[in-house]
Amino acid sequence: KTWQYVYCNDLFCEWFARTREQVIGNTDAALFDPPFDESTSKYRLDDIEVSQYGQVLRTEEIVQFATGTQRVITFKVPMAINGNLYVGGACVVIDDKEHINA
């Protein structure tokens, strides 16, 4: 697997201060500030788990977005499209009114 982004929506671009062109075709390591170890990243390990077991993964975490630090619930889901397996994701801000001091 290459773990490259094949899609992102406008909110993802806003949250991470990236254009769609900067995201599509790149990996987490190319998009996010160092130090970012692709092989041991929690995000990569979650992707691998979803890919291997084919089940939805729900996590609650604190994420540093370009717009501030937020507590979120993240869902990762296996998606089979034209015989290819992808890992899709969605993120829900738990409290949009309060930034977390991390």
N, C-alpha and C. Protein backbone atom coordinates (compact mmCIF):
# COMPACT_ATOMS: atom_id res chain seq x y z
N LYS A 1 0.83 -1.19 0.00
CA LYS A 1 0.00 0.00 0.00
C LYS A 1 0.88 1.25 0.00
N THR A 2 0.38 2.27 -0.65
CA THR A 2 1.12 3.53 -0.71
C THR A 2 0.63 4.53 0.33
N TRP A 3 -0.58 4.33 0.84
CA TRP A 3 -1.17 5.20 1.87
C TRP A 3 -1.26 6.66 1.43
N GLN A 4 -1.48 6.86 0.15
CA GLN A 4 -1.63 8.21 -0.37
C GLN A 4 -3.09 8.65 -0.29
N TYR A 5 -3.30 9.92 -0.11
CA TYR A 5 -4.65 10.47 -0.14
C TYR A 5 -5.17 10.45 -1.57
N VAL A 6 -6.40 9.96 -1.75
CA VAL A 6 -7.03 9.97 -3.07
C VAL A 6 -8.22 10.93 -3.10
N TYR A 7 -8.59 11.45 -1.94
CA TYR A 7 -9.68 12.42 -1.85
C TYR A 7 -9.56 13.18 -0.54
N CYS A 8 -10.02 14.41 -0.55
CA CYS A 8 -10.21 15.19 0.68
C CYS A 8 -11.27 16.24 0.40
N ASN A 9 -12.00 16.61 1.44
CA ASN A 9 -13.03 17.62 1.25
C ASN A 9 -12.50 19.01 1.65
N ASP A 10 -13.33 20.01 1.44
CA ASP A 10 -12.92 21.39 1.72
C ASP A 10 -12.57 21.61 3.19
N LEU A 11 -13.32 20.98 4.09
CA LEU A 11 -13.07 21.16 5.51
C LEU A 11 -11.70 20.59 5.90
N PHE A 12 -11.33 19.44 5.36
CA PHE A 12 -10.00 18.88 5.61
C PHE A 12 -8.94 19.89 5.18
N CYS A 13 -9.11 20.46 4.00
CA CYS A 13 -8.14 21.45 3.51
C CYS A 13 -8.06 22.65 4.44
N GLU A 14 -9.21 23.12 4.91
CA GLU A 14 -9.23 24.25 5.83
C GLU A 14 -8.56 23.91 7.15
N TRP A 15 -8.91 22.75 7.72
CA TRP A 15 -8.36 22.34 9.01
C TRP A 15 -6.85 22.23 8.99
N PHE A 16 -6.30 21.76 7.88
CA PHE A 16 -4.86 21.53 7.81
C PHE A 16 -4.12 22.54 6.94
N ALA A 17 -4.83 23.60 6.53
CA ALA A 17 -4.23 24.68 5.74
C ALA A 17 -3.47 24.15 4.52
N ARG A 18 -4.13 23.30 3.78
CA ARG A 18 -3.56 22.72 2.56
C ARG A 18 -4.60 22.84 1.44
N THR A 19 -4.12 22.92 0.22
CA THR A 19 -5.03 22.88 -0.93
C THR A 19 -5.27 21.41 -1.29
N ARG A 20 -6.32 21.17 -2.03
CA ARG A 20 -6.62 19.81 -2.49
C ARG A 20 -5.43 19.27 -3.29
N GLU A 21 -4.82 20.14 -4.10
CA GLU A 21 -3.67 19.72 -4.91
C GLU A 21 -2.48 19.31 -4.05
N GLN A 22 -2.33 19.94 -2.89
CA GLN A 22 -1.24 19.58 -1.98
C GLN A 22 -1.51 18.25 -1.28
N VAL A 23 -2.78 17.88 -1.13
CA VAL A 23 -3.15 16.68 -0.38
C VAL A 23 -3.17 15.44 -1.27
N ILE A 24 -3.91 15.50 -2.37
CA ILE A 24 -4.11 14.33 -3.23
C ILE A 24 -2.77 13.81 -3.75
N GLY A 25 -2.55 12.51 -3.56
CA GLY A 25 -1.32 11.87 -4.03
C GLY A 25 -0.19 11.89 -3.02
N ASN A 26 -0.39 12.58 -1.90
CA ASN A 26 0.64 12.64 -0.87
C ASN A 26 0.29 11.76 0.33
N THR A 27 1.28 11.52 1.16
CA THR A 27 1.10 10.74 2.38
C THR A 27 1.10 11.68 3.59
N ASP A 28 0.76 11.14 4.75
CA ASP A 28 0.81 11.92 5.98
C ASP A 28 2.20 12.53 6.19
N ALA A 29 3.24 11.74 5.92
CA ALA A 29 4.61 12.20 6.15
C ALA A 29 4.93 13.43 5.29
N ALA A 30 4.38 13.49 4.10
CA ALA A 30 4.63 14.63 3.22
C ALA A 30 3.81 15.86 3.62
N LEU A 31 2.70 15.63 4.31
CA LEU A 31 1.78 16.73 4.61
C LEU A 31 1.96 17.36 5.98
N PHE A 32 2.40 16.57 6.95
CA PHE A 32 2.41 17.05 8.31
C PHE A 32 3.83 17.28 8.81
N ASP A 33 3.96 18.23 9.71
CA ASP A 33 5.26 18.67 10.19
C ASP A 33 6.03 17.55 10.86
N PRO A 34 7.35 17.55 10.67
CA PRO A 34 8.20 16.61 11.39
C PRO A 34 8.20 16.94 12.88
N PRO A 35 8.57 16.06 13.76
CA PRO A 35 8.94 14.69 13.40
C PRO A 35 7.70 13.83 13.15
N PHE A 36 7.67 13.18 12.03
CA PHE A 36 6.54 12.33 11.67
C PHE A 36 7.10 11.02 11.14
N ASP A 37 7.08 9.99 11.95
CA ASP A 37 7.58 8.67 11.55
C ASP A 37 6.42 7.88 10.97
N GLU A 38 6.41 7.76 9.65
CA GLU A 38 5.32 7.11 8.93
C GLU A 38 5.05 5.69 9.44
N SER A 39 6.10 4.95 9.80
CA SER A 39 5.92 3.55 10.17
C SER A 39 5.32 3.36 11.56
N THR A 40 5.50 4.33 12.45
CA THR A 40 5.00 4.17 13.81
C THR A 40 3.91 5.17 14.18
N SER A 41 3.50 5.97 13.23
CA SER A 41 2.46 6.95 13.48
C SER A 41 1.17 6.27 13.91
N LYS A 42 0.50 6.82 14.91
CA LYS A 42 -0.79 6.30 15.34
C LYS A 42 -1.76 6.25 14.17
N TYR A 43 -1.72 7.28 13.32
CA TYR A 43 -2.63 7.33 12.19
C TYR A 43 -2.36 6.19 11.20
N ARG A 44 -1.09 5.93 10.96
CA ARG A 44 -0.74 4.84 10.04
C ARG A 44 -1.12 3.49 10.64
N LEU A 45 -0.85 3.31 11.93
CA LEU A 45 -1.20 2.04 12.58
C LEU A 45 -2.72 1.84 12.57
N ASP A 46 -3.49 2.91 12.76
CA ASP A 46 -4.95 2.81 12.65
C ASP A 46 -5.36 2.41 11.24
N ASP A 47 -4.74 3.01 10.23
CA ASP A 47 -5.05 2.67 8.83
C ASP A 47 -4.79 1.18 8.57
N ILE A 48 -3.67 0.71 9.07
CA ILE A 48 -3.31 -0.70 8.87
C ILE A 48 -4.34 -1.60 9.55
N GLU A 49 -4.73 -1.25 10.77
CA GLU A 49 -5.73 -2.06 11.49
C GLU A 49 -7.04 -2.13 10.72
N VAL A 50 -7.52 -1.01 10.23
CA VAL A 50 -8.78 -0.98 9.47
C VAL A 50 -8.63 -1.80 8.19
N SER A 51 -7.51 -1.67 7.54
CA SER A 51 -7.26 -2.39 6.29
C SER A 51 -7.19 -3.90 6.53
N GLN A 52 -6.52 -4.31 7.60
CA GLN A 52 -6.35 -5.74 7.88
C GLN A 52 -7.62 -6.42 8.36
N TYR A 53 -8.37 -5.74 9.24
CA TYR A 53 -9.52 -6.39 9.87
C TYR A 53 -10.85 -6.03 9.23
N GLY A 54 -10.86 -5.01 8.37
CA GLY A 54 -12.07 -4.66 7.65
C GLY A 54 -13.20 -4.15 8.53
N GLN A 55 -12.85 -3.54 9.67
CA GLN A 55 -13.86 -3.03 10.59
C GLN A 55 -13.67 -1.55 10.83
N VAL A 56 -14.78 -0.88 11.17
CA VAL A 56 -14.73 0.54 11.49
C VAL A 56 -13.96 0.74 12.78
N LEU A 57 -13.12 1.76 12.81
CA LEU A 57 -12.36 2.11 13.99
C LEU A 57 -12.81 3.50 14.44
N ARG A 58 -13.18 3.62 15.70
CA ARG A 58 -13.60 4.91 16.29
C ARG A 58 -12.61 5.27 17.38
N THR A 59 -12.06 6.47 17.30
CA THR A 59 -11.14 6.93 18.33
C THR A 59 -11.50 8.35 18.75
N GLU A 60 -11.20 8.67 19.99
CA GLU A 60 -11.34 10.04 20.46
C GLU A 60 -9.94 10.56 20.71
N GLU A 61 -9.66 11.75 20.19
CA GLU A 61 -8.30 12.25 20.27
C GLU A 61 -8.28 13.77 20.24
N ILE A 62 -7.14 14.33 20.56
CA ILE A 62 -6.92 15.76 20.45
C ILE A 62 -6.03 15.96 19.23
N VAL A 63 -6.48 16.83 18.32
CA VAL A 63 -5.78 17.04 17.05
C VAL A 63 -5.43 18.51 16.91
N GLN A 64 -4.21 18.76 16.46
CA GLN A 64 -3.78 20.13 16.20
C GLN A 64 -4.08 20.46 14.75
N PHE A 65 -5.12 21.26 14.53
CA PHE A 65 -5.46 21.74 13.21
C PHE A 65 -4.82 23.11 13.01
N ALA A 66 -4.79 23.60 11.79
CA ALA A 66 -4.30 24.95 11.52
C ALA A 66 -5.18 25.98 12.22
N THR A 67 -6.44 25.63 12.44
CA THR A 67 -7.40 26.54 13.06
C THR A 67 -7.40 26.45 14.59
N GLY A 68 -6.60 25.55 15.16
CA GLY A 68 -6.52 25.39 16.60
C GLY A 68 -6.59 23.93 17.01
N THR A 69 -6.40 23.69 18.27
CA THR A 69 -6.43 22.34 18.80
C THR A 69 -7.86 21.99 19.20
N GLN A 70 -8.32 20.82 18.75
CA GLN A 70 -9.69 20.41 19.00
C GLN A 70 -9.75 18.97 19.50
N ARG A 71 -10.74 18.70 20.32
CA ARG A 71 -11.05 17.32 20.71
C ARG A 71 -12.03 16.78 19.68
N VAL A 72 -11.70 15.63 19.10
CA VAL A 72 -12.51 15.09 18.00
C VAL A 72 -12.76 13.60 18.18
N ILE A 73 -13.79 13.13 17.52
CA ILE A 73 -14.01 11.70 17.34
C ILE A 73 -13.70 11.42 15.88
N THR A 74 -12.81 10.47 15.65
CA THR A 74 -12.41 10.10 14.31
C THR A 74 -12.92 8.70 13.99
N PHE A 75 -13.48 8.55 12.81
CA PHE A 75 -13.93 7.26 12.32
C PHE A 75 -13.11 6.91 11.10
N LYS A 76 -12.58 5.70 11.07
CA LYS A 76 -11.91 5.18 9.88
C LYS A 76 -12.67 3.94 9.44
N VAL A 77 -12.93 3.88 8.14
CA VAL A 77 -13.77 2.80 7.61
C VAL A 77 -13.10 2.16 6.40
N PRO A 78 -13.22 0.83 6.27
CA PRO A 78 -12.71 0.17 5.07
C PRO A 78 -13.69 0.42 3.92
N MET A 79 -13.15 0.70 2.76
CA MET A 79 -13.98 0.95 1.59
C MET A 79 -13.41 0.18 0.40
N ALA A 80 -14.24 -0.68 -0.20
CA ALA A 80 -13.82 -1.41 -1.39
C ALA A 80 -14.45 -0.75 -2.60
N ILE A 81 -13.60 -0.28 -3.52
CA ILE A 81 -14.07 0.39 -4.73
C ILE A 81 -13.36 -0.23 -5.91
N ASN A 82 -14.15 -0.81 -6.83
CA ASN A 82 -13.60 -1.46 -8.03
C ASN A 82 -12.49 -2.45 -7.70
N GLY A 83 -12.69 -3.21 -6.63
CA GLY A 83 -11.73 -4.23 -6.25
C GLY A 83 -10.53 -3.73 -5.48
N ASN A 84 -10.46 -2.44 -5.23
CA ASN A 84 -9.35 -1.87 -4.46
C ASN A 84 -9.84 -1.51 -3.07
N LEU A 85 -9.00 -1.73 -2.07
CA LEU A 85 -9.35 -1.41 -0.69
C LEU A 85 -8.77 -0.06 -0.32
N TYR A 86 -9.63 0.80 0.20
CA TYR A 86 -9.23 2.12 0.67
C TYR A 86 -9.64 2.25 2.13
N VAL A 87 -9.00 3.19 2.83
CA VAL A 87 -9.40 3.52 4.19
C VAL A 87 -9.95 4.94 4.13
N GLY A 88 -11.23 5.07 4.43
CA GLY A 88 -11.87 6.37 4.46
C GLY A 88 -11.92 6.89 5.89
N GLY A 89 -12.03 8.18 6.03
CA GLY A 89 -12.06 8.73 7.36
C GLY A 89 -13.02 9.89 7.48
N ALA A 90 -13.52 10.07 8.69
CA ALA A 90 -14.37 11.21 9.02
C ALA A 90 -14.01 11.66 10.42
N CYS A 91 -14.11 12.95 10.63
CA CYS A 91 -13.72 13.52 11.91
C CYS A 91 -14.85 14.44 12.38
N VAL A 92 -15.25 14.27 13.63
CA VAL A 92 -16.32 15.09 14.21
C VAL A 92 -15.75 15.85 15.40
N VAL A 93 -15.86 17.18 15.36
CA VAL A 93 -15.40 17.98 16.49
C VAL A 93 -16.40 17.81 17.62
N ILE A 94 -15.90 17.44 18.80
CA ILE A 94 -16.77 17.19 19.95
C ILE A 94 -17.31 18.49 20.52
N ASP A 95 -16.45 19.49 20.63
CA ASP A 95 -16.89 20.78 21.17
C ASP A 95 -16.31 21.87 20.31
N ASP A 96 -17.11 22.39 19.40
CA ASP A 96 -16.66 23.37 18.43
C ASP A 96 -16.40 24.74 19.06
N LYS A 97 -16.93 24.98 20.25
CA LYS A 97 -16.82 26.30 20.86
C LYS A 97 -15.60 26.47 21.75
N GLU A 98 -15.00 25.37 22.11
CA GLU A 98 -13.90 25.44 23.08
C GLU A 98 -12.65 24.81 22.51
N HIS A 99 -11.58 25.58 22.42
CA HIS A 99 -10.30 25.04 22.00
C HIS A 99 -9.61 24.40 23.20
N ILE A 100 -8.88 23.37 22.94
CA ILE A 100 -8.20 22.64 23.99
C ILE A 100 -6.78 23.19 24.11
N ASN A 101 -6.32 23.38 25.31
CA ASN A 101 -4.92 23.78 25.51
C ASN A 101 -4.09 22.51 25.72
N ALA A 102 -3.33 22.18 24.70
CA ALA A 102 -2.54 20.95 24.77
C ALA A 102 -1.06 21.26 24.83
